[in-house]
Amino acid sequence: MPVSRILLVLFFLLVCPGRLLLADQGQPPEDLEALVALALVNNPEVRASAERWQMIVERSRQAGALEDPMLMLRVQNALIRDPLNFQRDAMTAKVIGISQKLPFFGKRDLMREEAGFEAEAERWVVEERRIELRRMVKEAWYQIYLIDRSLETVAGTVLLLDDLTRLAESMYGAGKTGQQEIFQAQLERSKMEEMRIGLEQQRSTQVATLNTLVYRAPEVVIPSIPKMSIPPLSLSAVELESLAFSRRPALKSLKAKVDKADAGARLAEKEVYPDVTLSLEYMQREPAMETPGDDMYGAQLTFNLPVQSARRQAKIAETLAEKRMANEEWAAMQNQIRLGINTGLSQLERSRKLTRLYDMGIFDQANGAIKSAMAAYRSDKAKFSEVLASHVALFNFEREYHGAIAEYQIQLATLENIVGTPLPSTP
């Protein structure tokens, strides 16, 4: 087989690998941002979180509301021997009354404040779930991208191995080589087929995962994802930290929990003051025993006695501990964000340098090694195993190159999750 054909196949593999996968070419490509938007609308876990937030909002509207007033009806000082006769005794009266419990001044405001911060914390939990779902959709997408590139590389390598097998057969027919070289090429081709089967299974799993996140049938087909480049990040670690501290929903949720605990502590301190119950009664009397039976009224203030100081002090200590815990969780989250940003930037830089290294040198060197090995093999100056090894090396370089691109994109999605917002990139 002419060397020119093998080199032509190599060029086709490097420049136009997308044409080697014919399976899904009849379908329009999916759009990542459209899938993310669809997931944010349809995913049941996000919807459940939103409903939980709405539940807590409705609960917060109940906080600080007055208890229902109490209506009282009674007959007062009636005679047992004539219970339905209200004119036998001047003290007999029919009484109607109403009472209302009033918490001490400021308690209701603090109850509403505490419940409002709880609802706010839950709102940011919903936003945190949304950005986490965005990361999961993107990660599944880029995993499919990597598998598609690997399948293309496998398909191109199979074509090369078929050509090498025919070349070995022609060399064997001319008595220039042994039959074992044919077997070596066929063995490598079988390995490629085995890898293809595994990659197809992995793709089915990732497609099902992505479809599940979007809340549609797992078997919905996702066409081959086209090649992509890596977008440079335009923000430094300090800028990312500042952005995260102002945008990350998890931090805002923890801050709301700190405020909730603070309101709870102030409410617990108010519990040392008594509540009051105001009662008002109207007594209707009948003329009896030569008295005109003038109507009467009664008014009453009832206070609870906050003498159980141990219980109230324990409540204050509980709320203060809750506030300290929320503050420490907030500080720990900030620490995790700093670590995540620095780790993420380091991994992005590593992937960026790797892709640049492959683009600027490794692929040219690998192709040069293939040309040299082929020329030496045709002139009986190199073994077939060396030719085979050069092709396998190019195959591995191809997979590692696309793996670095996918890893960069996945890490960028993770960094967006850490910061809490999509990141701008350098054009």
Protein backbone atom coordinates (compact mmCIF):
# COMPACT_ATOMS: atom_id res chain seq x y z
CA MET A 1 0.00 0.00 0.00
CA PRO A 2 1.49 3.38 -0.98
CA VAL A 3 2.79 5.54 1.81
CA SER A 4 0.91 8.50 0.32
CA ARG A 5 -2.45 6.87 1.05
CA ILE A 6 -1.54 6.27 4.69
CA LEU A 7 -0.42 9.86 5.07
CA LEU A 8 -3.65 11.00 3.41
CA VAL A 9 -5.68 9.03 5.95
CA LEU A 10 -3.65 10.57 8.77
CA PHE A 11 -4.33 14.04 7.43
CA PHE A 12 -8.03 13.24 7.12
CA LEU A 13 -8.11 11.99 10.72
CA LEU A 14 -6.47 15.12 12.11
CA VAL A 15 -8.31 17.71 10.04
CA CYS A 16 -11.78 16.24 9.52
CA PRO A 17 -12.41 13.64 12.23
CA GLY A 18 -16.08 14.52 12.47
CA ARG A 19 -16.76 12.94 9.06
CA LEU A 20 -15.74 9.53 10.33
CA LEU A 21 -18.83 9.22 12.53
CA LEU A 22 -21.83 8.80 10.27
CA ALA A 23 -24.28 7.60 12.89
CA ASP A 24 -25.98 10.80 13.95
CA GLN A 25 -25.15 13.14 11.12
CA GLY A 26 -28.74 13.38 9.86
CA GLN A 27 -29.88 15.09 13.06
CA PRO A 28 -29.37 18.72 14.01
CA PRO A 29 -26.80 19.23 16.75
CA GLU A 30 -27.94 19.90 20.30
CA ASP A 31 -27.14 23.24 21.89
CA LEU A 32 -25.55 23.14 25.34
CA GLU A 33 -27.09 26.36 26.65
CA ALA A 34 -30.52 25.27 25.41
CA LEU A 35 -30.12 21.99 27.29
CA VAL A 36 -29.09 23.87 30.43
CA ALA A 37 -32.13 26.14 30.16
CA LEU A 38 -34.39 23.12 29.60
CA ALA A 39 -32.96 21.37 32.64
CA LEU A 40 -33.45 24.43 34.85
CA VAL A 41 -37.12 24.51 33.85
CA ASN A 42 -37.94 20.79 33.84
CA ASN A 43 -35.69 19.10 36.39
CA PRO A 44 -37.95 17.78 39.19
CA GLU A 45 -35.33 18.22 41.91
CA VAL A 46 -35.08 21.93 41.16
CA ARG A 47 -38.86 22.22 41.03
CA ALA A 48 -39.14 20.40 44.37
CA SER A 49 -36.63 22.81 45.90
CA ALA A 50 -38.61 25.76 44.56
CA GLU A 51 -41.80 24.35 46.09
CA ARG A 52 -40.05 23.88 49.42
CA TRP A 53 -38.98 27.52 49.30
CA GLN A 54 -42.56 28.54 48.54
CA MET A 55 -43.72 26.44 51.49
CA ILE A 56 -41.33 28.24 53.82
CA VAL A 57 -42.40 31.62 52.40
CA GLU A 58 -46.01 30.82 53.22
CA ARG A 59 -44.94 29.67 56.68
CA SER A 60 -43.07 32.93 57.23
CA ARG A 61 -46.27 34.86 56.52
CA GLN A 62 -47.80 33.18 59.56
CA ALA A 63 -44.98 34.27 61.85
CA GLY A 64 -45.78 37.09 64.25
CA ALA A 65 -49.51 36.88 63.62
CA LEU A 66 -51.75 37.31 66.64
CA GLU A 67 -53.54 34.28 67.99
CA ASP A 68 -57.27 34.14 67.37
CA PRO A 69 -59.28 36.08 69.95
CA MET A 70 -61.29 34.00 72.42
CA LEU A 71 -65.06 34.48 72.66
CA MET A 72 -66.62 33.66 76.02
CA LEU A 73 -70.32 33.06 76.83
CA ARG A 74 -71.50 32.24 80.34
CA VAL A 75 -74.27 32.54 82.88
CA GLN A 76 -73.04 33.99 86.14
CA ASN A 77 -74.49 33.50 89.63
CA ALA A 78 -77.59 31.59 88.53
CA LEU A 79 -79.56 29.64 91.16
CA ILE A 80 -79.29 25.89 90.99
CA ARG A 81 -82.88 25.34 92.18
CA ASP A 82 -84.18 27.47 89.29
CA PRO A 83 -81.38 27.56 86.71
CA LEU A 84 -83.30 29.18 83.86
CA ASN A 85 -84.88 31.97 85.86
CA PHE A 86 -82.63 35.03 85.63
CA GLN A 87 -84.87 37.29 87.78
CA ARG A 88 -84.66 35.48 91.10
CA ASP A 89 -81.38 37.04 92.21
CA ALA A 90 -79.91 40.45 91.55
CA MET A 91 -76.43 38.97 91.04
CA THR A 92 -77.51 36.71 88.16
CA ALA A 93 -76.17 37.87 84.79
CA LYS A 94 -75.72 36.65 81.24
CA VAL A 95 -72.13 37.35 80.26
CA ILE A 96 -70.45 37.70 76.86
CA GLY A 97 -66.72 38.37 76.71
CA ILE A 98 -63.76 38.50 74.38
CA SER A 99 -60.04 38.13 75.11
CA GLN A 100 -56.87 38.60 73.08
CA LYS A 101 -53.32 37.53 73.87
CA LEU A 102 -50.72 40.20 73.03
CA PRO A 103 -47.01 39.29 72.98
CA PHE A 104 -44.60 41.72 74.61
CA PHE A 105 -43.65 44.69 72.46
CA GLY A 106 -41.12 43.72 69.76
CA LYS A 107 -41.63 39.95 69.87
CA ARG A 108 -43.87 39.80 66.81
CA ASP A 109 -41.44 41.85 64.73
CA LEU A 110 -38.60 39.52 65.68
CA MET A 111 -40.71 36.46 64.84
CA ARG A 112 -41.39 37.90 61.37
CA GLU A 113 -37.74 38.83 60.94
CA GLU A 114 -36.55 35.34 61.89
CA ALA A 115 -39.03 33.65 59.54
CA GLY A 116 -38.12 36.03 56.73
CA PHE A 117 -34.42 35.17 56.99
CA GLU A 118 -35.31 31.46 56.98
CA ALA A 119 -37.24 31.92 53.73
CA GLU A 120 -34.36 33.93 52.25
CA ALA A 121 -31.88 31.18 53.14
CA GLU A 122 -34.07 28.62 51.39
CA ARG A 123 -34.36 30.84 48.31
CA TRP A 124 -30.59 30.79 47.93
CA VAL A 125 -30.61 27.01 48.42
CA VAL A 126 -32.81 26.82 45.31
CA GLU A 127 -30.32 28.98 43.38
CA GLU A 128 -27.46 26.77 44.57
CA ARG A 129 -29.27 23.71 43.22
CA ARG A 130 -29.73 25.48 39.91
CA ILE A 131 -26.04 26.25 39.45
CA GLU A 132 -25.17 22.70 40.54
CA LEU A 133 -27.57 21.35 37.92
CA ARG A 134 -25.94 23.62 35.33
CA ARG A 135 -22.55 22.10 36.22
CA MET A 136 -23.88 18.54 35.99
CA VAL A 137 -25.43 19.13 32.56
CA LYS A 138 -22.20 20.66 31.26
CA GLU A 139 -20.07 17.86 32.69
CA ALA A 140 -22.24 15.19 31.04
CA TRP A 141 -22.09 17.15 27.77
CA TYR A 142 -18.30 17.36 27.76
CA GLN A 143 -17.99 13.70 28.71
CA ILE A 144 -20.05 12.88 25.60
CA TYR A 145 -17.80 15.21 23.61
CA LEU A 146 -14.72 13.30 24.77
CA ILE A 147 -16.30 9.96 23.90
CA ASP A 148 -17.25 11.24 20.43
CA ARG A 149 -13.70 12.37 19.79
CA SER A 150 -12.38 9.02 21.03
CA LEU A 151 -14.76 7.16 18.71
CA GLU A 152 -13.55 9.26 15.79
CA THR A 153 -9.95 8.56 16.70
CA VAL A 154 -10.67 4.84 16.98
CA ALA A 155 -12.43 4.85 13.60
CA GLY A 156 -9.51 6.64 11.95
CA THR A 157 -6.97 4.32 13.57
CA VAL A 158 -8.93 1.28 12.33
CA LEU A 159 -8.61 2.61 8.77
CA LEU A 160 -4.88 3.07 9.25
CA LEU A 161 -4.50 -0.43 10.67
CA ASP A 162 -6.41 -1.88 7.72
CA ASP A 163 -3.97 -0.14 5.39
CA LEU A 164 -1.03 -1.37 7.45
CA THR A 165 -2.41 -4.91 7.32
CA ARG A 166 -2.61 -4.76 3.53
CA LEU A 167 0.90 -3.32 3.41
CA ALA A 168 2.19 -6.15 5.61
CA GLU A 169 0.40 -8.68 3.40
CA SER A 170 2.01 -7.26 0.27
CA MET A 171 5.41 -7.27 1.95
CA TYR A 172 4.80 -10.84 3.09
CA GLY A 173 3.77 -11.84 -0.46
CA ALA A 174 7.03 -10.37 -1.72
CA GLY A 175 8.95 -12.38 0.85
CA LYS A 176 10.21 -9.29 2.66
CA THR A 177 8.58 -9.92 6.02
CA GLY A 178 7.05 -12.60 8.21
CA GLN A 179 3.41 -13.48 8.74
CA GLN A 180 3.57 -12.45 12.39
CA GLU A 181 3.50 -8.81 11.34
CA ILE A 182 0.08 -9.34 9.76
CA PHE A 183 -1.12 -10.87 13.01
CA GLN A 184 0.26 -7.92 14.97
CA ALA A 185 -1.73 -5.46 12.86
CA GLN A 186 -4.87 -7.57 13.15
CA LEU A 187 -4.44 -7.81 16.92
CA GLU A 188 -4.19 -4.04 17.25
CA ARG A 189 -7.30 -3.69 15.10
CA SER A 190 -9.18 -6.08 17.40
CA LYS A 191 -8.10 -3.97 20.37
CA MET A 192 -9.53 -0.91 18.63
CA GLU A 193 -12.83 -2.72 18.07
CA GLU A 194 -12.91 -3.70 21.74
CA MET A 195 -12.31 -0.09 22.71
CA ARG A 196 -15.05 1.07 20.34
CA ILE A 197 -17.57 -1.25 22.00
CA GLY A 198 -16.64 0.10 25.43
CA LEU A 199 -16.85 3.71 24.25
CA GLU A 200 -20.29 3.16 22.73
CA GLN A 201 -21.51 1.74 26.04
CA GLN A 202 -20.06 4.73 27.90
CA ARG A 203 -21.76 7.09 25.47
CA SER A 204 -25.14 5.45 26.02
CA THR A 205 -24.69 5.87 29.77
CA GLN A 206 -23.70 9.54 29.50
CA VAL A 207 -26.55 10.28 27.08
CA ALA A 208 -29.02 8.69 29.51
CA THR A 209 -27.51 10.75 32.33
CA LEU A 210 -27.83 13.99 30.37
CA ASN A 211 -31.40 13.22 29.29
CA THR A 212 -32.33 12.42 32.89
CA LEU A 213 -30.97 15.76 34.06
CA VAL A 214 -33.06 17.47 31.38
CA TYR A 215 -36.05 15.33 32.44
CA ARG A 216 -36.72 13.57 29.19
CA ALA A 217 -36.60 9.94 28.06
CA PRO A 218 -33.12 8.38 28.54
CA GLU A 219 -33.13 7.02 24.99
CA VAL A 220 -33.48 10.43 23.29
CA VAL A 221 -30.65 10.61 20.76
CA ILE A 222 -27.94 13.24 21.17
CA PRO A 223 -26.03 13.70 17.89
CA SER A 224 -22.27 13.78 17.76
CA ILE A 225 -20.93 16.91 19.43
CA PRO A 226 -18.67 18.94 17.10
CA LYS A 227 -15.08 19.81 17.86
CA MET A 228 -14.41 22.76 20.11
CA SER A 229 -11.55 24.89 21.35
CA ILE A 230 -10.82 26.07 24.87
CA PRO A 231 -11.84 29.63 25.82
CA PRO A 232 -9.14 31.48 27.79
CA LEU A 233 -10.28 32.75 31.19
CA SER A 234 -9.92 36.50 31.64
CA LEU A 235 -10.23 36.69 35.46
CA SER A 236 -7.52 36.29 38.10
CA ALA A 237 -7.86 34.38 41.37
CA VAL A 238 -8.47 37.60 43.30
CA GLU A 239 -11.20 38.69 40.88
CA LEU A 240 -12.82 35.26 41.02
CA GLU A 241 -12.81 35.31 44.83
CA SER A 242 -14.44 38.74 44.86
CA LEU A 243 -17.03 37.55 42.35
CA ALA A 244 -17.73 34.39 44.35
CA PHE A 245 -18.11 36.24 47.65
CA SER A 246 -20.72 38.51 46.07
CA ARG A 247 -22.52 35.97 43.85
CA ARG A 248 -22.31 32.46 45.33
CA PRO A 249 -25.82 31.43 46.47
CA ALA A 250 -24.51 29.07 49.15
CA LEU A 251 -22.71 31.99 50.84
CA LYS A 252 -25.85 34.11 50.69
CA SER A 253 -27.85 31.25 52.19
CA LEU A 254 -25.39 30.92 55.07
CA LYS A 255 -25.43 34.68 55.61
CA ALA A 256 -29.22 34.56 55.86
CA LYS A 257 -28.88 31.74 58.40
CA VAL A 258 -26.54 33.95 60.45
CA ASP A 259 -29.14 36.73 60.37
CA LYS A 260 -31.89 34.26 61.28
CA ALA A 261 -29.89 33.03 64.28
CA ASP A 262 -29.25 36.63 65.35
CA ALA A 263 -32.97 37.42 65.21
CA GLY A 264 -33.66 34.21 67.14
CA ALA A 265 -31.17 35.23 69.83
CA ARG A 266 -32.80 38.64 70.22
CA LEU A 267 -36.21 36.98 70.38
CA ALA A 268 -34.98 34.60 73.09
CA GLU A 269 -33.77 37.59 75.12
CA LYS A 270 -37.26 39.10 74.82
CA GLU A 271 -38.78 35.99 76.39
CA VAL A 272 -37.84 37.27 79.86
CA TYR A 273 -40.63 39.84 79.46
CA PRO A 274 -44.23 38.76 80.06
CA ASP A 275 -47.01 38.57 77.50
CA VAL A 276 -50.40 40.04 78.32
CA THR A 277 -53.93 38.80 77.74
CA LEU A 278 -56.59 41.53 77.53
CA SER A 279 -60.17 40.53 78.39
CA LEU A 280 -63.41 42.53 78.15
CA GLU A 281 -66.82 41.29 79.37
CA TYR A 282 -70.38 42.59 79.12
CA MET A 283 -72.89 41.37 81.77
CA GLN A 284 -76.59 41.67 80.99
CA ARG A 285 -78.86 41.59 84.10
CA GLU A 286 -82.61 41.36 84.62
CA PRO A 287 -84.60 43.39 87.24
CA ALA A 288 -84.80 41.29 90.40
CA MET A 289 -85.34 41.71 94.13
CA GLU A 290 -86.48 45.30 93.68
CA THR A 291 -83.27 46.26 91.84
CA PRO A 292 -83.32 47.79 88.35
CA GLY A 293 -80.89 45.15 87.02
CA ASP A 294 -78.42 47.57 85.47
CA ASP A 295 -76.00 45.99 83.00
CA MET A 296 -72.35 45.76 83.98
CA TYR A 297 -68.95 45.25 82.35
CA GLY A 298 -65.62 43.82 83.37
CA ALA A 299 -62.06 44.33 82.08
CA GLN A 300 -59.01 42.26 82.89
CA LEU A 301 -55.28 42.13 82.13
CA THR A 302 -53.53 38.78 82.63
CA PHE A 303 -49.74 38.39 82.57
CA ASN A 304 -47.68 35.25 82.48
CA LEU A 305 -44.90 35.16 85.07
CA PRO A 306 -41.53 34.44 83.38
CA VAL A 307 -40.04 32.82 86.45
CA GLN A 308 -38.56 29.77 84.67
CA SER A 309 -35.24 31.52 84.09
CA ALA A 310 -33.23 28.33 83.54
CA ARG A 311 -35.32 27.38 80.50
CA ARG A 312 -35.09 30.87 79.04
CA GLN A 313 -31.33 31.11 79.59
CA ALA A 314 -30.91 27.74 77.88
CA LYS A 315 -32.91 29.05 74.91
CA ILE A 316 -30.66 32.11 74.69
CA ALA A 317 -27.56 29.90 74.83
CA GLU A 318 -29.03 27.67 72.12
CA THR A 319 -29.65 30.55 69.72
CA LEU A 320 -26.21 32.05 70.35
CA ALA A 321 -24.61 28.67 69.59
CA GLU A 322 -26.69 28.48 66.41
CA LYS A 323 -25.40 31.92 65.40
CA ARG A 324 -21.77 30.93 66.06
CA MET A 325 -22.26 27.74 64.07
CA ALA A 326 -23.71 29.65 61.11
CA ASN A 327 -20.79 32.10 61.22
CA GLU A 328 -18.26 29.26 61.21
CA GLU A 329 -20.05 27.52 58.33
CA TRP A 330 -19.96 30.79 56.41
CA ALA A 331 -16.21 31.15 57.06
CA ALA A 332 -15.63 27.50 56.09
CA MET A 333 -17.50 28.01 52.82
CA GLN A 334 -15.32 31.02 52.02
CA ASN A 335 -12.25 28.90 52.69
CA GLN A 336 -13.53 26.14 50.40
CA ILE A 337 -14.21 28.69 47.67
CA ARG A 338 -10.64 30.01 47.87
CA LEU A 339 -9.26 26.47 47.66
CA GLY A 340 -11.59 25.53 44.80
CA ILE A 341 -10.67 28.62 42.80
CA ASN A 342 -6.93 28.11 43.15
CA THR A 343 -7.18 24.38 42.41
CA GLY A 344 -9.43 25.04 39.43
CA LEU A 345 -7.16 27.69 37.95
CA SER A 346 -4.18 25.35 38.32
CA GLN A 347 -6.01 22.57 36.49
CA LEU A 348 -7.18 24.95 33.78
CA GLU A 349 -3.62 26.11 33.23
CA ARG A 350 -2.40 22.52 33.04
CA SER A 351 -5.02 21.58 30.42
CA ARG A 352 -4.34 24.76 28.44
CA LYS A 353 -0.60 24.09 28.34
CA LEU A 354 -1.17 20.47 27.33
CA THR A 355 -3.39 21.39 24.39
CA ARG A 356 -0.89 24.03 23.29
CA LEU A 357 1.93 21.49 23.53
CA TYR A 358 0.04 19.04 21.33
CA ASP A 359 -0.88 21.73 18.80
CA MET A 360 2.59 23.25 18.63
CA GLY A 361 4.81 20.18 18.67
CA ILE A 362 3.67 16.70 19.59
CA PHE A 363 1.39 16.08 16.60
CA ASP A 364 4.05 17.25 14.14
CA GLN A 365 6.63 15.08 15.86
CA ALA A 366 4.30 12.07 15.87
CA ASN A 367 3.55 12.46 12.17
CA GLY A 368 7.26 12.82 11.48
CA ALA A 369 7.92 9.62 13.41
CA ILE A 370 5.28 7.80 11.31
CA LYS A 371 6.81 9.01 8.04
CA SER A 372 10.28 7.99 9.16
CA ALA A 373 9.13 4.58 10.38
CA MET A 374 7.22 3.91 7.16
CA ALA A 375 10.17 4.87 4.98
CA ALA A 376 12.54 2.74 7.03
CA TYR A 377 10.14 -0.21 6.97
CA ARG A 378 9.77 -0.13 3.19
CA SER A 379 13.55 -0.15 2.84
CA ASP A 380 13.94 -2.99 5.39
CA LYS A 381 15.63 -0.69 7.91
CA ALA A 382 12.89 -0.83 10.56
CA LYS A 383 10.69 -3.48 12.06
CA PHE A 384 6.95 -3.58 11.57
CA SER A 385 6.51 -3.25 15.33
CA GLU A 386 8.15 0.18 15.15
CA VAL A 387 5.68 1.29 12.46
CA LEU A 388 2.83 -0.05 14.55
CA ALA A 389 4.12 1.65 17.69
CA SER A 390 4.27 5.02 15.92
CA HIS A 391 0.63 4.73 14.89
CA VAL A 392 -0.44 3.65 18.37
CA ALA A 393 1.48 6.60 19.82
CA LEU A 394 -0.41 9.00 17.54
CA PHE A 395 -3.67 7.37 18.61
CA ASN A 396 -2.82 7.92 22.28
CA PHE A 397 -1.79 11.51 21.63
CA GLU A 398 -5.13 12.16 19.90
CA ARG A 399 -7.10 10.83 22.87
CA GLU A 400 -5.01 12.73 25.40
CA TYR A 401 -5.41 15.94 23.41
CA HIS A 402 -9.19 15.77 23.35
CA GLY A 403 -9.15 14.58 26.96
CA ALA A 404 -7.32 17.79 27.91
CA ILE A 405 -9.93 19.89 26.06
CA ALA A 406 -12.80 18.07 27.78
CA GLU A 407 -11.09 18.35 31.17
CA TYR A 408 -10.61 22.09 30.63
CA GLN A 409 -14.28 22.59 29.84
CA ILE A 410 -15.42 20.44 32.77
CA GLN A 411 -13.13 22.30 35.14
CA LEU A 412 -14.39 25.63 33.77
CA ALA A 413 -17.96 24.50 34.52
CA THR A 414 -16.85 23.50 38.02
CA LEU A 415 -15.25 26.91 38.49
CA GLU A 416 -18.49 28.58 37.41
CA ASN A 417 -20.26 26.48 40.03
CA ILE A 418 -17.76 27.59 42.70
CA VAL A 419 -18.13 31.25 41.77
CA GLY A 420 -21.89 31.01 41.33
CA THR A 421 -22.20 32.65 37.92
CA PRO A 422 -21.10 32.07 34.28
CA LEU A 423 -17.59 33.36 33.68
CA PRO A 424 -16.51 35.75 30.92
CA SER A 425 -13.65 34.66 28.72
CA THR A 426 -11.10 36.47 26.61
CA PRO A 427 -12.24 36.76 22.99
